[in-house]
Amino acid sequence: MCLAVPMKVAKIEGDFAVVELGRVRQRANIQMLNNLKIGDYILIHAGFGIQKVDKKEADKTREFLIKIGRE
């Protein structure tokens, strides 16, 4: 099973972006995505941005991950 985590784009540096989830920041390859802007939400899997998602969907997924992390 694979897990992709929704993260917010904080900075764009060519083919890479700095993405964040809470206090976690990491660099991710964004070559597979077009027309990204700072503030967009993307799914990150194994260091790659694989899909753009809207904020509502990202929030819902993050809430679920927090919930299962507490169980």
Protein backbone atom coordinates (compact mmCIF):
# COMPACT_ATOMS: atom_id res chain seq x y z
CA MET A 1 0.00 0.00 0.00
CA CYS A 2 1.23 3.50 -0.80
CA LEU A 3 0.53 6.73 1.02
CA ALA A 4 0.55 10.19 -0.48
CA VAL A 5 0.40 13.15 1.88
CA PRO A 6 -1.19 16.51 0.97
CA MET A 7 1.27 19.35 1.52
CA LYS A 8 1.16 23.08 0.84
CA VAL A 9 3.60 24.65 -1.63
CA ALA A 10 5.68 27.23 0.26
CA LYS A 11 8.36 28.00 -2.35
CA ILE A 12 9.07 27.02 -5.96
CA GLU A 13 12.66 26.50 -7.14
CA GLY A 14 12.64 25.34 -10.77
CA ASP A 15 11.68 21.65 -10.87
CA PHE A 16 11.44 21.51 -7.07
CA ALA A 17 9.22 23.00 -4.40
CA VAL A 18 9.53 23.42 -0.68
CA VAL A 19 6.32 21.94 0.72
CA GLU A 20 4.98 21.96 4.24
CA LEU A 21 2.60 20.14 6.51
CA GLY A 22 2.40 21.76 9.92
CA ARG A 23 5.99 22.23 11.08
CA VAL A 24 7.36 19.67 8.60
CA ARG A 25 9.06 21.15 5.53
CA GLN A 26 10.68 19.20 2.73
CA ARG A 27 11.88 19.59 -0.83
CA ALA A 28 9.86 17.74 -3.49
CA ASN A 29 10.25 17.20 -7.21
CA ILE A 30 7.34 18.85 -9.08
CA GLN A 31 8.24 17.97 -12.69
CA MET A 32 5.01 15.97 -13.13
CA LEU A 33 2.80 18.97 -12.25
CA ASN A 34 1.93 22.04 -14.28
CA ASN A 35 0.94 25.58 -13.32
CA LEU A 36 1.74 25.35 -9.61
CA LYS A 37 1.62 28.44 -7.45
CA ILE A 38 2.71 29.15 -3.91
CA GLY A 39 -0.19 28.21 -1.65
CA ASP A 40 -1.38 25.29 -3.81
CA TYR A 41 -1.83 21.87 -2.22
CA ILE A 42 -0.24 18.80 -3.79
CA LEU A 43 0.00 15.14 -2.93
CA ILE A 44 3.56 14.09 -2.11
CA HIS A 45 4.69 10.49 -2.51
CA ALA A 46 8.32 9.41 -2.13
CA GLY A 47 9.55 12.97 -2.62
CA PHE A 48 7.50 13.66 -5.76
CA GLY A 49 4.46 15.84 -6.27
CA ILE A 50 1.98 13.55 -8.01
CA GLN A 51 -1.31 15.46 -8.07
CA LYS A 52 -2.72 18.89 -7.31
CA VAL A 53 -5.64 18.87 -4.82
CA ASP A 54 -7.96 21.56 -3.55
CA LYS A 55 -7.66 22.86 0.01
CA LYS A 56 -10.92 21.23 1.15
CA GLU A 57 -9.73 17.77 0.05
CA ALA A 58 -6.27 18.36 1.56
CA ASP A 59 -7.82 19.38 4.90
CA LYS A 60 -10.07 16.32 4.93
CA THR A 61 -7.14 13.98 4.27
CA ARG A 62 -4.93 15.65 6.90
CA GLU A 63 -7.73 15.36 9.50
CA PHE A 64 -8.01 11.64 8.72
CA LEU A 65 -4.25 11.11 9.06
CA ILE A 66 -4.27 12.90 12.42
CA LYS A 67 -7.18 10.77 13.59
CA ILE A 68 -5.57 7.44 12.70
CA GLY A 69 -2.28 8.60 14.22
CA ARG A 70 -4.00 8.93 17.59
CA GLU A 71 -5.59 5.47 17.55
